[in-house]
Amino acid sequence: MNFKELARKLETICAINITPFYDDTKDINWDALEENIQFLLKNGTEVIVPNGNTGEFYTLTLEEAKKETRRVIELVNGKATVVAGVGYSAETAIELGRDAQEAGADCVMIHQPIQPYVTTRGAISYFKRIIEALDIPSIIYFKDPNLSDDVIKELAPLEKFIGVKYAINDLPRFRKVVSEVPDEHHLAWICGTAEKWAPFFWNAGAQGFTSGIVNINPDLSFAMLRGLREGDSRTVWKAWEDSVGFEDLRAKYNNGNNVVVIKEAMEMIGLNAGVTREPVDPLNEGDRKAVTEILKSWSLFNVGQTL
């Protein structure tokens, strides 16, 4: 496997697919998952990330997480790069990662450790242990501002460490770590906070960004990507203006709305997303109205019936 080539494939939109649940049982609706993946593929998505936070990874059992990764790999069938989310304890992450690589995943994304007590040296050991235990390469999800960027710098020489989903919205800090990691390590730098922050991270050294909006309005997401690649600032800022209200809505309640806004927007336009699992509630009436107005501004009502 050419790890450098795979790192370059991540320099695009990393689509975080949803995990649809039935309204009554909250079991996974596998048919709706297939619809979601096919929607992403039909709209040109090149990287799909099952078991991301938009996929409600932390609400899934380990068996559900394994099954979702395997199902996504089967559905993608080589048409896109599959980056499987793994996490929890190091042993659990390795178990999930080995299952993903056996199923044919291209790469894993190691979630930020969720333990309440984490040190920088401990985080380095955590990520390194997982990276070295797998045959396929890893990217890390870096979002705790209390951890030093030394985590990234010390891991950078590892051959199977190929990218960072950087989700700390501190642009001087991000630029500094990008400049301090030698180019010879060929890391893919990915803005981990979606369209709202993508233009800023791009100018600071990112080459791609994550997206939840791509599950609803891929034209908007890809317009931003094209604009960034071509240096077309008018297109970039038009896409930013169209997306920022939606992303602000997702960020409400300390990001508590992050997934439910995506799912309820999908349902409103005829895409089968289902409900969220606890600890996330449905949107309140005010937020639902705000989603409706945004979808109207995007001219997306009834799009689900024409796919």
C-alpha atoms as a PDB file:
ATOM      1  CA  MET A   1       0.000   0.000   0.000  1.00  0.00           C
ATOM      2  CA  ASN A   2       1.299   3.442  -0.966  1.00  0.00           C
ATOM      3  CA  PHE A   3       0.619   5.529   2.145  1.00  0.00           C
ATOM      4  CA  LYS A   4       1.650   8.804   0.497  1.00  0.00           C
ATOM      5  CA  GLU A   5      -0.819   8.255  -2.321  1.00  0.00           C
ATOM      6  CA  LEU A   6      -3.581   7.440   0.165  1.00  0.00           C
ATOM      7  CA  ALA A   7      -2.799  10.617   2.129  1.00  0.00           C
ATOM      8  CA  ARG A   8      -3.300  12.639  -1.076  1.00  0.00           C
ATOM      9  CA  LYS A   9      -6.710  11.002  -1.577  1.00  0.00           C
ATOM     10  CA  LEU A  10      -7.810  12.591   1.718  1.00  0.00           C
ATOM     11  CA  GLU A  11      -7.253  16.091   0.326  1.00  0.00           C
ATOM     12  CA  THR A  12     -10.921  16.568  -0.484  1.00  0.00           C
ATOM     13  CA  ILE A  13     -14.286  16.500   1.323  1.00  0.00           C
ATOM     14  CA  CYS A  14     -14.404  13.818   3.995  1.00  0.00           C
ATOM     15  CA  ALA A  15     -18.097  12.959   4.145  1.00  0.00           C
ATOM     16  CA  ILE A  16     -19.241  11.762   7.571  1.00  0.00           C
ATOM     17  CA  ASN A  17     -22.231   9.556   6.831  1.00  0.00           C
ATOM     18  CA  ILE A  18     -25.167   9.376   9.231  1.00  0.00           C
ATOM     19  CA  THR A  19     -26.373   6.257  11.047  1.00  0.00           C
ATOM     20  CA  PRO A  20     -30.152   6.116  10.530  1.00  0.00           C
ATOM     21  CA  PHE A  21     -32.261   4.727  13.385  1.00  0.00           C
ATOM     22  CA  TYR A  22     -35.903   3.627  13.319  1.00  0.00           C
ATOM     23  CA  ASP A  23     -38.237   6.024  15.148  1.00  0.00           C
ATOM     24  CA  ASP A  24     -39.751   3.389  17.454  1.00  0.00           C
ATOM     25  CA  THR A  25     -36.978   0.886  18.283  1.00  0.00           C
ATOM     26  CA  LYS A  26     -33.950   3.077  17.508  1.00  0.00           C
ATOM     27  CA  ASP A  27     -32.354   0.049  15.858  1.00  0.00           C
ATOM     28  CA  ILE A  28     -30.186   0.781  12.818  1.00  0.00           C
ATOM     29  CA  ASN A  29     -32.146   1.060   9.583  1.00  0.00           C
ATOM     30  CA  TRP A  30     -29.732  -0.669   7.206  1.00  0.00           C
ATOM     31  CA  ASP A  31     -31.799   0.131   4.119  1.00  0.00           C
ATOM     32  CA  ALA A  32     -31.657   3.831   4.971  1.00  0.00           C
ATOM     33  CA  LEU A  33     -27.889   3.575   5.497  1.00  0.00           C
ATOM     34  CA  GLU A  34     -27.618   2.174   1.978  1.00  0.00           C
ATOM     35  CA  GLU A  35     -29.677   5.112   0.663  1.00  0.00           C
ATOM     36  CA  ASN A  36     -27.338   7.556   2.415  1.00  0.00           C
ATOM     37  CA  ILE A  37     -24.176   5.950   1.029  1.00  0.00           C
ATOM     38  CA  GLN A  38     -25.598   5.742  -2.487  1.00  0.00           C
ATOM     39  CA  PHE A  39     -26.588   9.424  -2.270  1.00  0.00           C
ATOM     40  CA  LEU A  40     -23.018  10.351  -1.324  1.00  0.00           C
ATOM     41  CA  LEU A  41     -21.538   8.238  -4.118  1.00  0.00           C
ATOM     42  CA  LYS A  42     -23.937   9.549  -6.770  1.00  0.00           C
ATOM     43  CA  ASN A  43     -22.966  13.080  -5.830  1.00  0.00           C
ATOM     44  CA  GLY A  44     -19.250  12.519  -6.318  1.00  0.00           C
ATOM     45  CA  THR A  45     -18.041  11.939  -2.761  1.00  0.00           C
ATOM     46  CA  GLU A  46     -14.483  10.596  -2.746  1.00  0.00           C
ATOM     47  CA  VAL A  47     -13.975   9.901   0.984  1.00  0.00           C
ATOM     48  CA  ILE A  48     -16.613   8.406   3.298  1.00  0.00           C
ATOM     49  CA  VAL A  49     -16.143   8.077   7.056  1.00  0.00           C
ATOM     50  CA  PRO A  50     -18.399   5.558   8.822  1.00  0.00           C
ATOM     51  CA  ASN A  51     -18.470   5.719  12.631  1.00  0.00           C
ATOM     52  CA  GLY A  52     -17.700   9.422  12.806  1.00  0.00           C
ATOM     53  CA  ASN A  53     -19.366  11.727  15.290  1.00  0.00           C
ATOM     54  CA  THR A  54     -22.050  12.662  12.742  1.00  0.00           C
ATOM     55  CA  GLY A  55     -22.617   8.903  12.533  1.00  0.00           C
ATOM     56  CA  GLU A  56     -23.225   8.845  16.324  1.00  0.00           C
ATOM     57  CA  PHE A  57     -20.268   6.514  16.918  1.00  0.00           C
ATOM     58  CA  TYR A  58     -20.510   6.752  20.694  1.00  0.00           C
ATOM     59  CA  THR A  59     -24.138   5.560  20.701  1.00  0.00           C
ATOM     60  CA  LEU A  60     -23.269   2.359  18.818  1.00  0.00           C
ATOM     61  CA  THR A  61     -22.398  -0.986  20.334  1.00  0.00           C
ATOM     62  CA  LEU A  62     -19.089  -2.429  19.179  1.00  0.00           C
ATOM     63  CA  GLU A  63     -20.911  -4.995  17.061  1.00  0.00           C
ATOM     64  CA  GLU A  64     -23.010  -2.248  15.459  1.00  0.00           C
ATOM     65  CA  ALA A  65     -19.876  -0.198  14.720  1.00  0.00           C
ATOM     66  CA  LYS A  66     -18.181  -3.203  13.103  1.00  0.00           C
ATOM     67  CA  LYS A  67     -21.275  -4.021  11.077  1.00  0.00           C
ATOM     68  CA  GLU A  68     -21.667  -0.425   9.897  1.00  0.00           C
ATOM     69  CA  THR A  69     -18.056  -0.254   8.717  1.00  0.00           C
ATOM     70  CA  ARG A  70     -18.421  -3.566   6.892  1.00  0.00           C
ATOM     71  CA  ARG A  71     -21.698  -2.510   5.293  1.00  0.00           C
ATOM     72  CA  VAL A  72     -20.286   0.834   4.124  1.00  0.00           C
ATOM     73  CA  ILE A  73     -17.229  -0.878   2.616  1.00  0.00           C
ATOM     74  CA  GLU A  74     -19.503  -3.305   0.803  1.00  0.00           C
ATOM     75  CA  LEU A  75     -21.716  -0.511  -0.521  1.00  0.00           C
ATOM     76  CA  VAL A  76     -18.819   1.715  -1.576  1.00  0.00           C
ATOM     77  CA  ASN A  77     -17.215  -1.229  -3.405  1.00  0.00           C
ATOM     78  CA  GLY A  78     -14.042   0.662  -4.253  1.00  0.00           C
ATOM     79  CA  LYS A  79     -15.801   3.770  -5.577  1.00  0.00           C
ATOM     80  CA  ALA A  80     -14.450   5.954  -2.723  1.00  0.00           C
ATOM     81  CA  THR A  81     -11.883   5.835   0.047  1.00  0.00           C
ATOM     82  CA  VAL A  82     -13.349   4.432   3.274  1.00  0.00           C
ATOM     83  CA  VAL A  83     -11.947   5.783   6.559  1.00  0.00           C
ATOM     84  CA  ALA A  84     -13.388   3.788   9.468  1.00  0.00           C
ATOM     85  CA  GLY A  85     -13.822   5.505  12.831  1.00  0.00           C
ATOM     86  CA  VAL A  86     -12.350   3.661  15.832  1.00  0.00           C
ATOM     87  CA  GLY A  87     -12.044   4.629  19.475  1.00  0.00           C
ATOM     88  CA  TYR A  88     -12.681   3.978  23.180  1.00  0.00           C
ATOM     89  CA  SER A  89      -9.805   2.146  24.927  1.00  0.00           C
ATOM     90  CA  ALA A  90      -6.664   1.382  22.943  1.00  0.00           C
ATOM     91  CA  GLU A  91      -7.562  -2.313  22.926  1.00  0.00           C
ATOM     92  CA  THR A  92     -11.089  -1.602  21.704  1.00  0.00           C
ATOM     93  CA  ALA A  93      -9.828   0.758  19.006  1.00  0.00           C
ATOM     94  CA  ILE A  94      -7.381  -1.911  17.824  1.00  0.00           C
ATOM     95  CA  GLU A  95     -10.170  -4.502  17.782  1.00  0.00           C
ATOM     96  CA  LEU A  96     -12.348  -2.195  15.680  1.00  0.00           C
ATOM     97  CA  GLY A  97      -9.410  -1.295  13.440  1.00  0.00           C
ATOM     98  CA  ARG A  98      -8.439  -4.906  12.776  1.00  0.00           C
ATOM     99  CA  ASP A  99     -12.026  -5.741  11.908  1.00  0.00           C
ATOM    100  CA  ALA A 100     -12.139  -2.736   9.550  1.00  0.00           C
ATOM    101  CA  GLN A 101      -8.909  -3.708   7.802  1.00  0.00           C
ATOM    102  CA  GLU A 102     -10.105  -7.301   7.415  1.00  0.00           C
ATOM    103  CA  ALA A 103     -13.275  -5.942   5.788  1.00  0.00           C
ATOM    104  CA  GLY A 104     -11.273  -3.822   3.342  1.00  0.00           C
ATOM    105  CA  ALA A 105     -11.174  -0.331   4.861  1.00  0.00           C
ATOM    106  CA  ASP A 106      -8.508   1.926   3.378  1.00  0.00           C
ATOM    107  CA  CYS A 107      -7.693   3.745   6.589  1.00  0.00           C
ATOM    108  CA  VAL A 108      -8.924   4.352  10.138  1.00  0.00           C
ATOM    109  CA  MET A 109      -9.713   7.568  11.961  1.00  0.00           C
ATOM    110  CA  ILE A 110      -8.793   7.321  15.638  1.00  0.00           C
ATOM    111  CA  HIS A 111     -11.221   9.343  17.722  1.00  0.00           C
ATOM    112  CA  GLN A 112      -9.914  11.608  20.461  1.00  0.00           C
ATOM    113  CA  PRO A 113      -9.602   9.625  23.714  1.00  0.00           C
ATOM    114  CA  ILE A 114     -12.781  10.103  25.760  1.00  0.00           C
ATOM    115  CA  GLN A 115     -11.232   9.421  29.157  1.00  0.00           C
ATOM    116  CA  PRO A 116     -11.712  12.302  31.621  1.00  0.00           C
ATOM    117  CA  TYR A 117      -7.987  12.340  32.455  1.00  0.00           C
ATOM    118  CA  VAL A 118      -5.627  12.603  29.497  1.00  0.00           C
ATOM    119  CA  THR A 119      -2.017  13.791  29.342  1.00  0.00           C
ATOM    120  CA  THR A 120      -0.023  14.712  26.276  1.00  0.00           C
ATOM    121  CA  ARG A 121       2.443  11.843  26.769  1.00  0.00           C
ATOM    122  CA  GLY A 122      -0.451   9.489  27.400  1.00  0.00           C
ATOM    123  CA  ALA A 123      -2.221  10.598  24.221  1.00  0.00           C
ATOM    124  CA  ILE A 124       0.957  10.022  22.210  1.00  0.00           C
ATOM    125  CA  SER A 125       1.197   6.494  23.624  1.00  0.00           C
ATOM    126  CA  TYR A 126      -2.501   5.871  22.930  1.00  0.00           C
ATOM    127  CA  PHE A 127      -2.396   6.930  19.296  1.00  0.00           C
ATOM    128  CA  LYS A 128       0.983   5.286  18.635  1.00  0.00           C
ATOM    129  CA  ARG A 129      -0.127   1.955  20.043  1.00  0.00           C
ATOM    130  CA  ILE A 130      -3.175   1.868  17.768  1.00  0.00           C
ATOM    131  CA  ILE A 131      -1.319   3.089  14.685  1.00  0.00           C
ATOM    132  CA  GLU A 132       1.415   0.485  15.060  1.00  0.00           C
ATOM    133  CA  ALA A 133      -1.020  -2.368  15.753  1.00  0.00           C
ATOM    134  CA  LEU A 134      -2.764  -2.010  12.382  1.00  0.00           C
ATOM    135  CA  ASP A 135      -1.613  -2.799   8.870  1.00  0.00           C
ATOM    136  CA  ILE A 136      -3.696  -0.037   7.276  1.00  0.00           C
ATOM    137  CA  PRO A 137      -2.791   3.606   7.968  1.00  0.00           C
ATOM    138  CA  SER A 138      -4.420   5.969  10.448  1.00  0.00           C
ATOM    139  CA  ILE A 139      -5.475   9.563  10.750  1.00  0.00           C
ATOM    140  CA  ILE A 140      -6.106  11.054  14.177  1.00  0.00           C
ATOM    141  CA  TYR A 141      -9.035  13.200  15.262  1.00  0.00           C
ATOM    142  CA  PHE A 142      -7.431  16.040  17.219  1.00  0.00           C
ATOM    143  CA  LYS A 143      -9.955  18.212  19.036  1.00  0.00           C
ATOM    144  CA  ASP A 144      -8.922  18.674  22.676  1.00  0.00           C
ATOM    145  CA  PRO A 145      -7.382  22.162  23.020  1.00  0.00           C
ATOM    146  CA  ASN A 146      -5.788  21.116  26.283  1.00  0.00           C
ATOM    147  CA  LEU A 147      -3.535  18.611  24.517  1.00  0.00           C
ATOM    148  CA  SER A 148      -0.267  19.874  23.105  1.00  0.00           C
ATOM    149  CA  ASP A 149       0.367  19.754  19.371  1.00  0.00           C
ATOM    150  CA  ASP A 150       3.474  17.804  20.368  1.00  0.00           C
ATOM    151  CA  VAL A 151       1.174  14.805  19.973  1.00  0.00           C
ATOM    152  CA  ILE A 152       1.088  15.391  16.229  1.00  0.00           C
ATOM    153  CA  LYS A 153       4.751  16.313  15.927  1.00  0.00           C
ATOM    154  CA  GLU A 154       5.944  13.183  17.724  1.00  0.00           C
ATOM    155  CA  LEU A 155       3.674  10.881  15.743  1.00  0.00           C
ATOM    156  CA  ALA A 156       4.508  12.501  12.372  1.00  0.00           C
ATOM    157  CA  PRO A 157       7.528  10.269  11.549  1.00  0.00           C
ATOM    158  CA  LEU A 158       5.406   7.095  11.801  1.00  0.00           C
ATOM    159  CA  GLU A 159       4.938   5.655   8.307  1.00  0.00           C
ATOM    160  CA  LYS A 160       1.338   4.562   8.965  1.00  0.00           C
ATOM    161  CA  PHE A 161       0.287   7.953  10.360  1.00  0.00           C
ATOM    162  CA  ILE A 162      -0.975   9.820   7.295  1.00  0.00           C
ATOM    163  CA  GLY A 163      -3.268  12.643   8.388  1.00  0.00           C
ATOM    164  CA  VAL A 164      -4.850  14.858  11.011  1.00  0.00           C
ATOM    165  CA  LYS A 165      -8.477  15.849  11.333  1.00  0.00           C
ATOM    166  CA  TYR A 166      -7.780  19.083  13.206  1.00  0.00           C
ATOM    167  CA  ALA A 167     -10.875  20.336  15.024  1.00  0.00           C
ATOM    168  CA  ILE A 168      -9.509  23.089  17.265  1.00  0.00           C
ATOM    169  CA  ASN A 169     -10.579  26.438  15.845  1.00  0.00           C
ATOM    170  CA  ASP A 170      -7.337  28.221  16.666  1.00  0.00           C
ATOM    171  CA  LEU A 171      -5.845  29.199  13.315  1.00  0.00           C
ATOM    172  CA  PRO A 172      -2.474  30.555  14.529  1.00  0.00           C
ATOM    173  CA  ARG A 173      -2.011  27.347  16.505  1.00  0.00           C
ATOM    174  CA  PHE A 174      -2.950  25.219  13.504  1.00  0.00           C
ATOM    175  CA  ARG A 175      -0.640  27.129  11.171  1.00  0.00           C
ATOM    176  CA  LYS A 176       2.229  26.760  13.641  1.00  0.00           C
ATOM    177  CA  VAL A 177       1.957  22.974  13.854  1.00  0.00           C
ATOM    178  CA  VAL A 178       1.620  22.647  10.068  1.00  0.00           C
ATOM    179  CA  SER A 179       4.810  24.658   9.631  1.00  0.00           C
ATOM    180  CA  GLU A 180       6.643  22.612  12.276  1.00  0.00           C
ATOM    181  CA  VAL A 181       5.904  19.196  10.756  1.00  0.00           C
ATOM    182  CA  PRO A 182       8.361  18.519   7.920  1.00  0.00           C
ATOM    183  CA  ASP A 183       6.817  18.088   4.470  1.00  0.00           C
ATOM    184  CA  GLU A 184       8.680  14.790   4.103  1.00  0.00           C
ATOM    185  CA  HIS A 185       6.088  13.171   6.406  1.00  0.00           C
ATOM    186  CA  HIS A 186       3.326  13.843   3.846  1.00  0.00           C
ATOM    187  CA  LEU A 187       0.539  14.346   6.371  1.00  0.00           C
ATOM    188  CA  ALA A 188      -2.917  15.204   5.049  1.00  0.00           C
ATOM    189  CA  TRP A 189      -4.165  18.221   7.003  1.00  0.00           C
ATOM    190  CA  ILE A 190      -7.968  18.188   7.217  1.00  0.00           C
ATOM    191  CA  CYS A 191     -10.150  20.938   8.656  1.00  0.00           C
ATOM    192  CA  GLY A 192     -12.286  19.013  11.137  1.00  0.00           C
ATOM    193  CA  THR A 193     -14.919  21.698  11.662  1.00  0.00           C
ATOM    194  CA  ALA A 194     -16.622  21.632   8.278  1.00  0.00           C
ATOM    195  CA  GLU A 195     -17.628  24.359   5.821  1.00  0.00           C
ATOM    196  CA  LYS A 196     -17.828  27.176   8.364  1.00  0.00           C
ATOM    197  CA  TRP A 197     -14.101  26.970   9.064  1.00  0.00           C
ATOM    198  CA  ALA A 198     -12.821  25.379   5.847  1.00  0.00           C
ATOM    199  CA  PRO A 199     -11.717  28.607   4.058  1.00  0.00           C
ATOM    200  CA  PHE A 200      -9.748  29.766   7.072  1.00  0.00           C
ATOM    201  CA  PHE A 201      -8.031  26.428   7.641  1.00  0.00           C
ATOM    202  CA  TRP A 202      -7.317  26.143   3.916  1.00  0.00           C
ATOM    203  CA  ASN A 203      -5.375  29.388   3.972  1.00  0.00           C
ATOM    204  CA  ALA A 204      -3.481  28.135   7.018  1.00  0.00           C
ATOM    205  CA  GLY A 205      -2.432  24.876   5.351  1.00  0.00           C
ATOM    206  CA  ALA A 206      -5.361  22.434   5.248  1.00  0.00           C
ATOM    207  CA  GLN A 207      -6.013  20.573   1.997  1.00  0.00           C
ATOM    208  CA  GLY A 208      -9.466  19.185   2.767  1.00  0.00           C
ATOM    209  CA  PHE A 209     -12.388  19.461   5.154  1.00  0.00           C
ATOM    210  CA  THR A 210     -14.999  17.295   6.814  1.00  0.00           C
ATOM    211  CA  SER A 211     -18.674  17.759   6.039  1.00  0.00           C
ATOM    212  CA  GLY A 212     -22.088  16.840   7.356  1.00  0.00           C
ATOM    213  CA  ILE A 213     -23.845  19.193   4.930  1.00  0.00           C
ATOM    214  CA  VAL A 214     -22.732  16.920   2.084  1.00  0.00           C
ATOM    215  CA  ASN A 215     -25.429  14.474   3.254  1.00  0.00           C
ATOM    216  CA  ILE A 216     -28.041  17.123   2.370  1.00  0.00           C
ATOM    217  CA  ASN A 217     -26.630  19.675  -0.057  1.00  0.00           C
ATOM    218  CA  PRO A 218     -23.533  18.250  -1.778  1.00  0.00           C
ATOM    219  CA  ASP A 219     -23.615  20.973  -4.439  1.00  0.00           C
ATOM    220  CA  LEU A 220     -22.850  23.542  -1.755  1.00  0.00           C
ATOM    221  CA  SER A 221     -19.971  21.524  -0.287  1.00  0.00           C
ATOM    222  CA  PHE A 222     -18.385  20.811  -3.653  1.00  0.00           C
ATOM    223  CA  ALA A 223     -18.758  24.425  -4.747  1.00  0.00           C
ATOM    224  CA  MET A 224     -16.661  25.405  -1.752  1.00  0.00           C
ATOM    225  CA  LEU A 225     -14.060  22.725  -2.535  1.00  0.00           C
ATOM    226  CA  ARG A 226     -13.784  23.841  -6.171  1.00  0.00           C
ATOM    227  CA  GLY A 227     -13.511  27.458  -5.148  1.00  0.00           C
ATOM    228  CA  LEU A 228     -10.744  26.700  -2.669  1.00  0.00           C
ATOM    229  CA  ARG A 229      -8.787  24.621  -5.174  1.00  0.00           C
ATOM    230  CA  GLU A 230      -9.124  27.191  -7.936  1.00  0.00           C
ATOM    231  CA  GLY A 231      -8.554  30.272  -5.783  1.00  0.00           C
ATOM    232  CA  ASP A 232     -12.047  31.511  -6.663  1.00  0.00           C
ATOM    233  CA  SER A 233     -12.821  33.632  -3.615  1.00  0.00           C
ATOM    234  CA  ARG A 234     -16.267  34.691  -4.845  1.00  0.00           C
ATOM    235  CA  THR A 235     -17.416  31.054  -5.037  1.00  0.00           C
ATOM    236  CA  VAL A 236     -15.821  30.224  -1.688  1.00  0.00           C
ATOM    237  CA  TRP A 237     -17.489  33.045   0.193  1.00  0.00           C
ATOM    238  CA  LYS A 238     -20.848  32.460  -1.467  1.00  0.00           C
ATOM    239  CA  ALA A 239     -20.700  28.835  -0.282  1.00  0.00           C
ATOM    240  CA  TRP A 240     -19.575  30.016   3.144  1.00  0.00           C
ATOM    241  CA  GLU A 241     -22.473  32.460   3.421  1.00  0.00           C
ATOM    242  CA  ASP A 242     -24.909  29.730   2.392  1.00  0.00           C
ATOM    243  CA  SER A 243     -23.549  27.255   4.936  1.00  0.00           C
ATOM    244  CA  VAL A 244     -22.662  29.329   7.982  1.00  0.00           C
ATOM    245  CA  GLY A 245     -26.198  29.670   9.348  1.00  0.00           C
ATOM    246  CA  PHE A 246     -26.690  25.923   9.159  1.00  0.00           C
ATOM    247  CA  GLU A 247     -23.360  25.263  10.871  1.00  0.00           C
ATOM    248  CA  ASP A 248     -24.151  27.814  13.581  1.00  0.00           C
ATOM    249  CA  LEU A 249     -27.395  25.950  14.223  1.00  0.00           C
ATOM    250  CA  ARG A 250     -25.474  22.686  14.555  1.00  0.00           C
ATOM    251  CA  ALA A 251     -23.135  24.336  17.049  1.00  0.00           C
ATOM    252  CA  LYS A 252     -25.927  25.388  19.446  1.00  0.00           C
ATOM    253  CA  TYR A 253     -26.039  23.946  22.965  1.00  0.00           C
ATOM    254  CA  ASN A 254     -22.304  23.243  22.998  1.00  0.00           C
ATOM    255  CA  ASN A 255     -22.648  21.327  19.697  1.00  0.00           C
ATOM    256  CA  GLY A 256     -25.589  19.330  21.048  1.00  0.00           C
ATOM    257  CA  ASN A 257     -27.471  20.049  17.811  1.00  0.00           C
ATOM    258  CA  ASN A 258     -24.642  18.742  15.635  1.00  0.00           C
ATOM    259  CA  VAL A 259     -26.252  15.526  14.403  1.00  0.00           C
ATOM    260  CA  VAL A 260     -29.949  16.164  14.923  1.00  0.00           C
ATOM    261  CA  VAL A 261     -29.903  19.215  12.624  1.00  0.00           C
ATOM    262  CA  ILE A 262     -28.450  17.047   9.849  1.00  0.00           C
ATOM    263  CA  LYS A 263     -30.972  14.255  10.382  1.00  0.00           C
ATOM    264  CA  GLU A 264     -34.060  16.419  10.644  1.00  0.00           C
ATOM    265  CA  ALA A 265     -33.009  18.453   7.599  1.00  0.00           C
ATOM    266  CA  MET A 266     -32.606  15.232   5.634  1.00  0.00           C
ATOM    267  CA  GLU A 267     -36.055  14.063   6.694  1.00  0.00           C
ATOM    268  CA  MET A 268     -37.592  17.401   5.690  1.00  0.00           C
ATOM    269  CA  ILE A 269     -36.376  17.011   2.100  1.00  0.00           C
ATOM    270  CA  GLY A 270     -37.392  13.380   1.755  1.00  0.00           C
ATOM    271  CA  LEU A 271     -34.122  11.643   2.636  1.00  0.00           C
ATOM    272  CA  ASN A 272     -34.404   8.774   5.123  1.00  0.00           C
ATOM    273  CA  ALA A 273     -32.302   9.658   8.175  1.00  0.00           C
ATOM    274  CA  GLY A 274     -34.423   8.568  11.128  1.00  0.00           C
ATOM    275  CA  VAL A 275     -34.007   9.851  14.660  1.00  0.00           C
ATOM    276  CA  THR A 276     -31.033  10.341  16.945  1.00  0.00           C
ATOM    277  CA  ARG A 277     -30.267   8.123  19.909  1.00  0.00           C
ATOM    278  CA  GLU A 278     -29.915   9.391  23.447  1.00  0.00           C
ATOM    279  CA  PRO A 279     -28.415  11.622  24.764  1.00  0.00           C
ATOM    280  CA  VAL A 280     -29.664  13.843  21.892  1.00  0.00           C
ATOM    281  CA  ASP A 281     -33.306  14.958  21.731  1.00  0.00           C
ATOM    282  CA  PRO A 282     -35.288  16.046  18.653  1.00  0.00           C
ATOM    283  CA  LEU A 283     -35.033  19.712  17.681  1.00  0.00           C
ATOM    284  CA  ASN A 284     -37.189  22.202  19.513  1.00  0.00           C
ATOM    285  CA  GLU A 285     -39.766  24.125  17.507  1.00  0.00           C
ATOM    286  CA  GLY A 286     -37.619  27.225  17.096  1.00  0.00           C
ATOM    287  CA  ASP A 287     -34.672  25.283  15.731  1.00  0.00           C
ATOM    288  CA  ARG A 288     -36.919  23.270  13.415  1.00  0.00           C
ATOM    289  CA  LYS A 289     -38.252  26.498  11.980  1.00  0.00           C
ATOM    290  CA  ALA A 290     -34.700  27.753  11.449  1.00  0.00           C
ATOM    291  CA  VAL A 291     -33.803  24.552   9.570  1.00  0.00           C
ATOM    292  CA  THR A 292     -36.905  24.961   7.401  1.00  0.00           C
ATOM    293  CA  GLU A 293     -35.928  28.506   6.446  1.00  0.00           C
ATOM    294  CA  ILE A 294     -32.397  27.432   5.529  1.00  0.00           C
ATOM    295  CA  LEU A 295     -33.665  24.577   3.369  1.00  0.00           C
ATOM    296  CA  LYS A 296     -35.999  27.024   1.610  1.00  0.00           C
ATOM    297  CA  SER A 297     -33.041  29.306   0.924  1.00  0.00           C
ATOM    298  CA  TRP A 298     -31.218  26.312  -0.585  1.00  0.00           C
ATOM    299  CA  SER A 299     -34.283  25.417  -2.707  1.00  0.00           C
ATOM    300  CA  LEU A 300     -34.080  21.827  -1.474  1.00  0.00           C
ATOM    301  CA  PHE A 301     -37.638  20.886  -0.566  1.00  0.00           C
ATOM    302  CA  ASN A 302     -38.815  17.747  -2.381  1.00  0.00           C
ATOM    303  CA  VAL A 303     -35.313  16.987  -3.674  1.00  0.00           C
ATOM    304  CA  GLY A 304     -35.438  13.567  -2.035  1.00  0.00           C
ATOM    305  CA  GLN A 305     -38.265  12.506  -4.347  1.00  0.00           C
ATOM    306  CA  THR A 306     -36.262  13.295  -7.482  1.00  0.00           C
ATOM    307  CA  LEU A 307     -33.060  11.399  -6.711  1.00  0.00           C
END
